[in-house]
Amino acid sequence: ISDAAPEYAPPGRALIASTVVGCGSAADPAGRDALERAVRRRLAVLYGMDTSRWDHVATYHIAEALPAMPPPHNFRRPVRLVGGLYVCGDHRASTSLQGAMVSGRRAARAVLADLGGHRVPG
């Protein structure tokens, strides 16, 4: 988060946000501790670094925060529909902010390709 909004973290530090789906009850302290340990392990893999000394700032349990993804879910639904019509959004990828951004990039690439072979970096 602080890469996009540096004011969210003190100088020399970073603020990381993570979304966990289906994490159980917020009322169970043992469950909260187990969840934090599991999230730290996963973030260590994703970021390629030790997360054991990271400060845990907050956990927010938000029921039904993300749209449902009933199986089978196609994570790469087409963004190019017909004759110059494109669509993007979390419903075209994973139902999350990340899915919306990925879908938007795919739609932009499709539009640029159709307009003359341009590529979007990244």
N, C-alpha and C. Protein backbone atom coordinates (compact mmCIF):
# COMPACT_ATOMS: atom_id res chain seq x y z
N ILE A 1 0.83 -1.18 0.00
CA ILE A 1 0.00 0.00 0.00
C ILE A 1 0.88 1.25 0.00
N SER A 2 1.93 1.23 0.81
CA SER A 2 2.76 2.43 0.93
C SER A 2 3.59 2.71 -0.32
N ASP A 3 3.75 1.75 -1.23
CA ASP A 3 4.39 2.06 -2.51
C ASP A 3 3.51 3.01 -3.31
N ALA A 4 2.20 2.84 -3.23
CA ALA A 4 1.25 3.70 -3.94
C ALA A 4 0.92 4.96 -3.14
N ALA A 5 0.94 4.86 -1.81
CA ALA A 5 0.61 6.00 -0.95
C ALA A 5 1.64 6.06 0.19
N PRO A 6 2.81 6.66 -0.07
CA PRO A 6 3.90 6.66 0.91
C PRO A 6 3.53 7.23 2.27
N GLU A 7 2.54 8.10 2.31
CA GLU A 7 2.15 8.71 3.59
C GLU A 7 1.49 7.70 4.54
N TYR A 8 1.20 6.50 4.06
CA TYR A 8 0.57 5.48 4.90
C TYR A 8 1.57 4.77 5.81
N ALA A 9 2.87 4.99 5.61
CA ALA A 9 3.87 4.33 6.43
C ALA A 9 4.97 5.32 6.80
N PRO A 10 5.61 5.12 7.96
CA PRO A 10 6.73 6.00 8.34
C PRO A 10 7.87 5.87 7.33
N PRO A 11 8.73 6.88 7.22
CA PRO A 11 9.88 6.79 6.30
C PRO A 11 10.71 5.53 6.57
N GLY A 12 11.10 4.85 5.51
CA GLY A 12 11.91 3.65 5.64
C GLY A 12 11.13 2.39 5.98
N ARG A 13 9.81 2.50 6.09
CA ARG A 13 8.98 1.33 6.41
C ARG A 13 7.95 1.16 5.31
N ALA A 14 7.27 0.02 5.31
CA ALA A 14 6.25 -0.26 4.30
C ALA A 14 4.99 -0.77 4.97
N LEU A 15 3.86 -0.48 4.37
CA LEU A 15 2.58 -1.02 4.83
C LEU A 15 2.10 -2.03 3.80
N ILE A 16 1.85 -3.24 4.24
CA ILE A 16 1.39 -4.34 3.39
C ILE A 16 -0.04 -4.66 3.77
N ALA A 17 -0.89 -4.91 2.79
CA ALA A 17 -2.26 -5.37 3.05
C ALA A 17 -2.44 -6.72 2.39
N SER A 18 -3.20 -7.57 3.02
CA SER A 18 -3.44 -8.91 2.50
C SER A 18 -4.90 -9.26 2.68
N THR A 19 -5.46 -9.97 1.71
CA THR A 19 -6.84 -10.43 1.79
C THR A 19 -6.83 -11.95 1.93
N VAL A 20 -7.58 -12.44 2.90
CA VAL A 20 -7.70 -13.88 3.13
C VAL A 20 -9.17 -14.23 3.03
N VAL A 21 -9.48 -15.22 2.24
CA VAL A 21 -10.87 -15.62 2.04
C VAL A 21 -11.14 -16.89 2.85
N GLY A 22 -12.28 -16.92 3.54
CA GLY A 22 -12.69 -18.12 4.27
C GLY A 22 -11.81 -18.44 5.45
N CYS A 23 -11.53 -17.43 6.28
CA CYS A 23 -10.56 -17.62 7.37
C CYS A 23 -11.18 -18.01 8.70
N GLY A 24 -12.45 -18.28 8.77
CA GLY A 24 -13.05 -18.75 10.01
C GLY A 24 -13.55 -17.64 10.91
N SER A 25 -13.68 -17.97 12.19
CA SER A 25 -14.31 -17.07 13.16
C SER A 25 -13.32 -16.05 13.72
N ALA A 26 -13.76 -14.80 13.77
CA ALA A 26 -12.96 -13.74 14.38
C ALA A 26 -13.03 -13.78 15.90
N ALA A 27 -13.98 -14.53 16.44
CA ALA A 27 -14.20 -14.55 17.88
C ALA A 27 -13.24 -15.49 18.61
N ASP A 28 -12.59 -16.39 17.91
CA ASP A 28 -11.73 -17.39 18.52
C ASP A 28 -10.28 -16.91 18.54
N PRO A 29 -9.72 -16.58 19.74
CA PRO A 29 -8.33 -16.09 19.80
C PRO A 29 -7.32 -17.07 19.22
N ALA A 30 -7.50 -18.36 19.46
CA ALA A 30 -6.58 -19.36 18.90
C ALA A 30 -6.65 -19.34 17.38
N GLY A 31 -7.85 -19.17 16.86
CA GLY A 31 -8.02 -19.09 15.41
C GLY A 31 -7.35 -17.86 14.83
N ARG A 32 -7.44 -16.73 15.53
CA ARG A 32 -6.78 -15.50 15.06
C ARG A 32 -5.27 -15.67 15.03
N ASP A 33 -4.71 -16.29 16.08
CA ASP A 33 -3.26 -16.51 16.12
C ASP A 33 -2.83 -17.45 15.01
N ALA A 34 -3.59 -18.51 14.80
CA ALA A 34 -3.26 -19.46 13.73
C ALA A 34 -3.34 -18.79 12.37
N LEU A 35 -4.34 -17.94 12.19
CA LEU A 35 -4.49 -17.21 10.93
C LEU A 35 -3.29 -16.29 10.70
N GLU A 36 -2.89 -15.56 11.72
CA GLU A 36 -1.74 -14.65 11.57
C GLU A 36 -0.48 -15.43 11.20
N ARG A 37 -0.26 -16.57 11.85
CA ARG A 37 0.92 -17.39 11.52
C ARG A 37 0.86 -17.88 10.07
N ALA A 38 -0.32 -18.33 9.65
CA ALA A 38 -0.48 -18.82 8.28
C ALA A 38 -0.26 -17.70 7.26
N VAL A 39 -0.78 -16.53 7.56
CA VAL A 39 -0.61 -15.39 6.64
C VAL A 39 0.86 -15.00 6.58
N ARG A 40 1.54 -14.96 7.71
CA ARG A 40 2.97 -14.63 7.71
C ARG A 40 3.77 -15.63 6.87
N ARG A 41 3.45 -16.92 7.01
CA ARG A 41 4.15 -17.94 6.22
C ARG A 41 3.95 -17.71 4.73
N ARG A 42 2.70 -17.43 4.34
CA ARG A 42 2.40 -17.22 2.92
C ARG A 42 3.06 -15.94 2.40
N LEU A 43 3.02 -14.87 3.19
CA LEU A 43 3.66 -13.62 2.76
C LEU A 43 5.17 -13.77 2.66
N ALA A 44 5.76 -14.60 3.53
CA ALA A 44 7.20 -14.86 3.44
C ALA A 44 7.54 -15.48 2.09
N VAL A 45 6.70 -16.39 1.63
CA VAL A 45 6.91 -17.01 0.32
C VAL A 45 6.71 -15.98 -0.79
N LEU A 46 5.62 -15.22 -0.72
CA LEU A 46 5.31 -14.24 -1.77
C LEU A 46 6.36 -13.14 -1.88
N TYR A 47 6.85 -12.65 -0.74
CA TYR A 47 7.81 -11.55 -0.74
C TYR A 47 9.26 -12.03 -0.69
N GLY A 48 9.47 -13.33 -0.48
CA GLY A 48 10.82 -13.87 -0.45
C GLY A 48 11.66 -13.33 0.70
N MET A 49 11.04 -13.16 1.86
CA MET A 49 11.78 -12.64 3.02
C MET A 49 11.13 -13.12 4.32
N ASP A 50 11.89 -12.98 5.39
CA ASP A 50 11.40 -13.35 6.71
C ASP A 50 10.34 -12.34 7.16
N THR A 51 9.17 -12.82 7.54
CA THR A 51 8.09 -11.94 7.99
C THR A 51 7.87 -12.02 9.50
N SER A 52 8.67 -12.80 10.19
CA SER A 52 8.43 -13.02 11.62
C SER A 52 8.59 -11.74 12.45
N ARG A 53 9.34 -10.77 11.97
CA ARG A 53 9.55 -9.53 12.72
C ARG A 53 8.68 -8.39 12.22
N TRP A 54 7.82 -8.66 11.25
CA TRP A 54 6.89 -7.63 10.78
C TRP A 54 5.91 -7.32 11.90
N ASP A 55 5.51 -6.07 12.01
CA ASP A 55 4.49 -5.66 12.98
C ASP A 55 3.11 -5.93 12.39
N HIS A 56 2.30 -6.64 13.13
CA HIS A 56 0.91 -6.84 12.72
C HIS A 56 0.12 -5.63 13.20
N VAL A 57 -0.46 -4.88 12.27
CA VAL A 57 -1.15 -3.64 12.62
C VAL A 57 -2.61 -3.91 12.97
N ALA A 58 -3.32 -4.61 12.10
CA ALA A 58 -4.74 -4.86 12.35
C ALA A 58 -5.25 -5.97 11.45
N THR A 59 -6.31 -6.60 11.93
CA THR A 59 -7.04 -7.58 11.13
C THR A 59 -8.50 -7.17 11.15
N TYR A 60 -9.10 -7.11 10.00
CA TYR A 60 -10.52 -6.78 9.89
C TYR A 60 -11.24 -7.96 9.25
N HIS A 61 -12.23 -8.48 9.95
CA HIS A 61 -13.05 -9.56 9.40
C HIS A 61 -14.30 -8.92 8.80
N ILE A 62 -14.44 -9.05 7.50
CA ILE A 62 -15.56 -8.43 6.80
C ILE A 62 -16.32 -9.54 6.07
N ALA A 63 -17.45 -9.92 6.65
CA ALA A 63 -18.26 -10.99 6.05
C ALA A 63 -18.73 -10.57 4.66
N GLU A 64 -18.64 -11.47 3.73
CA GLU A 64 -19.12 -11.26 2.36
C GLU A 64 -18.50 -10.03 1.71
N ALA A 65 -17.21 -9.80 1.99
CA ALA A 65 -16.52 -8.63 1.43
C ALA A 65 -16.25 -8.78 -0.05
N LEU A 66 -16.10 -10.01 -0.51
CA LEU A 66 -15.81 -10.26 -1.92
C LEU A 66 -16.95 -11.06 -2.54
N PRO A 67 -17.19 -10.85 -3.83
CA PRO A 67 -18.24 -11.64 -4.50
C PRO A 67 -17.89 -13.13 -4.48
N ALA A 68 -18.90 -13.96 -4.55
CA ALA A 68 -18.69 -15.41 -4.57
C ALA A 68 -18.02 -15.83 -5.87
N MET A 69 -17.24 -16.89 -5.80
CA MET A 69 -16.61 -17.50 -6.97
C MET A 69 -16.97 -18.98 -6.99
N PRO A 70 -18.22 -19.30 -7.31
CA PRO A 70 -18.60 -20.71 -7.29
C PRO A 70 -17.84 -21.51 -8.34
N PRO A 71 -17.45 -22.74 -8.02
CA PRO A 71 -16.73 -23.56 -8.99
C PRO A 71 -17.68 -24.06 -10.08
N PRO A 72 -17.20 -24.33 -11.24
CA PRO A 72 -15.85 -24.00 -11.68
C PRO A 72 -15.78 -22.53 -12.07
N HIS A 73 -14.75 -21.84 -11.63
CA HIS A 73 -14.60 -20.41 -11.92
C HIS A 73 -13.49 -20.24 -12.95
N ASN A 74 -13.81 -19.59 -14.05
CA ASN A 74 -12.83 -19.31 -15.10
C ASN A 74 -12.08 -18.03 -14.73
N PHE A 75 -10.81 -18.14 -14.40
CA PHE A 75 -10.01 -16.99 -13.98
C PHE A 75 -9.53 -16.14 -15.14
N ARG A 76 -9.83 -16.54 -16.37
CA ARG A 76 -9.41 -15.76 -17.53
C ARG A 76 -10.57 -15.63 -18.52
N ARG A 77 -11.70 -15.16 -18.02
CA ARG A 77 -12.83 -14.93 -18.92
C ARG A 77 -12.43 -13.88 -19.96
N PRO A 78 -12.90 -14.03 -21.18
CA PRO A 78 -12.50 -13.10 -22.25
C PRO A 78 -12.85 -11.65 -21.92
N VAL A 79 -11.94 -10.75 -22.30
CA VAL A 79 -12.19 -9.32 -22.14
C VAL A 79 -12.62 -8.69 -23.47
N ARG A 80 -12.30 -9.36 -24.56
CA ARG A 80 -12.71 -8.90 -25.88
C ARG A 80 -14.01 -9.62 -26.22
N LEU A 81 -15.08 -8.86 -26.37
CA LEU A 81 -16.38 -9.48 -26.63
C LEU A 81 -16.65 -9.55 -28.13
N VAL A 82 -17.19 -8.50 -28.72
CA VAL A 82 -17.47 -8.48 -30.16
C VAL A 82 -17.16 -7.10 -30.71
N GLY A 83 -16.74 -7.05 -31.97
CA GLY A 83 -16.60 -5.81 -32.72
C GLY A 83 -16.28 -4.55 -31.94
N GLY A 84 -15.13 -4.47 -31.30
CA GLY A 84 -14.74 -3.26 -30.60
C GLY A 84 -15.35 -3.09 -29.22
N LEU A 85 -15.96 -4.13 -28.70
CA LEU A 85 -16.55 -4.08 -27.37
C LEU A 85 -15.68 -4.90 -26.41
N TYR A 86 -15.24 -4.24 -25.34
CA TYR A 86 -14.35 -4.86 -24.36
C TYR A 86 -14.99 -4.73 -22.98
N VAL A 87 -14.63 -5.63 -22.10
CA VAL A 87 -15.16 -5.59 -20.75
C VAL A 87 -14.05 -5.99 -19.78
N CYS A 88 -14.06 -5.37 -18.61
CA CYS A 88 -13.10 -5.77 -17.58
C CYS A 88 -13.76 -5.62 -16.22
N GLY A 89 -13.18 -6.25 -15.24
CA GLY A 89 -13.69 -6.19 -13.87
C GLY A 89 -13.36 -7.48 -13.14
N ASP A 90 -13.63 -7.47 -11.85
CA ASP A 90 -13.28 -8.66 -11.06
C ASP A 90 -14.03 -9.90 -11.52
N HIS A 91 -15.15 -9.73 -12.19
CA HIS A 91 -15.91 -10.88 -12.68
C HIS A 91 -15.24 -11.55 -13.87
N ARG A 92 -14.16 -10.97 -14.42
CA ARG A 92 -13.43 -11.55 -15.55
C ARG A 92 -12.19 -12.30 -15.08
N ALA A 93 -11.88 -12.24 -13.80
CA ALA A 93 -10.69 -12.89 -13.24
C ALA A 93 -11.06 -13.40 -11.85
N SER A 94 -10.21 -13.14 -10.86
CA SER A 94 -10.58 -13.48 -9.49
C SER A 94 -11.42 -12.35 -8.93
N THR A 95 -12.39 -12.68 -8.12
CA THR A 95 -13.30 -11.66 -7.59
C THR A 95 -12.63 -10.92 -6.43
N SER A 96 -11.73 -10.01 -6.80
CA SER A 96 -10.95 -9.24 -5.83
C SER A 96 -10.45 -7.97 -6.51
N LEU A 97 -9.84 -7.09 -5.73
CA LEU A 97 -9.23 -5.91 -6.33
C LEU A 97 -8.12 -6.32 -7.29
N GLN A 98 -7.34 -7.31 -6.90
CA GLN A 98 -6.28 -7.81 -7.78
C GLN A 98 -6.87 -8.32 -9.09
N GLY A 99 -7.97 -9.07 -9.01
CA GLY A 99 -8.61 -9.57 -10.21
C GLY A 99 -9.10 -8.45 -11.11
N ALA A 100 -9.64 -7.40 -10.51
CA ALA A 100 -10.10 -6.25 -11.30
C ALA A 100 -8.93 -5.58 -12.01
N MET A 101 -7.80 -5.43 -11.32
CA MET A 101 -6.64 -4.80 -11.94
C MET A 101 -6.06 -5.66 -13.06
N VAL A 102 -5.97 -6.97 -12.81
CA VAL A 102 -5.46 -7.88 -13.84
C VAL A 102 -6.37 -7.85 -15.06
N SER A 103 -7.66 -7.89 -14.84
CA SER A 103 -8.62 -7.83 -15.93
C SER A 103 -8.51 -6.52 -16.70
N GLY A 104 -8.34 -5.42 -15.99
CA GLY A 104 -8.17 -4.12 -16.64
C GLY A 104 -6.94 -4.08 -17.53
N ARG A 105 -5.84 -4.66 -17.04
CA ARG A 105 -4.62 -4.72 -17.85
C ARG A 105 -4.85 -5.57 -19.10
N ARG A 106 -5.51 -6.70 -18.93
CA ARG A 106 -5.79 -7.56 -20.09
C ARG A 106 -6.67 -6.85 -21.11
N ALA A 107 -7.68 -6.11 -20.64
CA ALA A 107 -8.55 -5.37 -21.55
C ALA A 107 -7.77 -4.27 -22.27
N ALA A 108 -6.91 -3.55 -21.54
CA ALA A 108 -6.10 -2.50 -22.17
C ALA A 108 -5.19 -3.09 -23.23
N ARG A 109 -4.58 -4.22 -22.94
CA ARG A 109 -3.72 -4.88 -23.93
C ARG A 109 -4.52 -5.28 -25.17
N ALA A 110 -5.72 -5.79 -24.96
CA ALA A 110 -6.56 -6.20 -26.10
C ALA A 110 -6.93 -4.99 -26.95
N VAL A 111 -7.31 -3.89 -26.32
CA VAL A 111 -7.66 -2.68 -27.06
C VAL A 111 -6.46 -2.18 -27.86
N LEU A 112 -5.30 -2.07 -27.21
CA LEU A 112 -4.11 -1.58 -27.89
C LEU A 112 -3.70 -2.50 -29.03
N ALA A 113 -3.79 -3.80 -28.81
CA ALA A 113 -3.46 -4.75 -29.88
C ALA A 113 -4.39 -4.56 -31.06
N ASP A 114 -5.65 -4.37 -30.81
CA ASP A 114 -6.63 -4.19 -31.89
C ASP A 114 -6.46 -2.85 -32.60
N LEU A 115 -5.87 -1.88 -31.92
CA LEU A 115 -5.66 -0.56 -32.52
C LEU A 115 -4.34 -0.46 -33.29
N GLY A 116 -3.55 -1.49 -33.24
CA GLY A 116 -2.31 -1.40 -34.02
C GLY A 116 -1.11 -2.10 -33.44
N GLY A 117 -1.33 -3.09 -32.66
CA GLY A 117 -0.21 -3.92 -32.21
C GLY A 117 0.62 -3.36 -31.09
N HIS A 118 0.15 -2.35 -30.40
CA HIS A 118 0.91 -1.80 -29.27
C HIS A 118 0.87 -2.78 -28.10
N ARG A 119 1.93 -2.73 -27.28
CA ARG A 119 1.98 -3.56 -26.07
C ARG A 119 1.97 -2.68 -24.83
N VAL A 120 1.30 -3.18 -23.80
CA VAL A 120 1.33 -2.52 -22.50
C VAL A 120 2.45 -3.17 -21.70
N PRO A 121 3.42 -2.39 -21.20
CA PRO A 121 4.50 -2.99 -20.42
C PRO A 121 3.98 -3.69 -19.17
N GLY A 122 4.76 -4.68 -18.71
CA GLY A 122 4.43 -5.35 -17.45
C GLY A 122 3.58 -6.50 -17.68
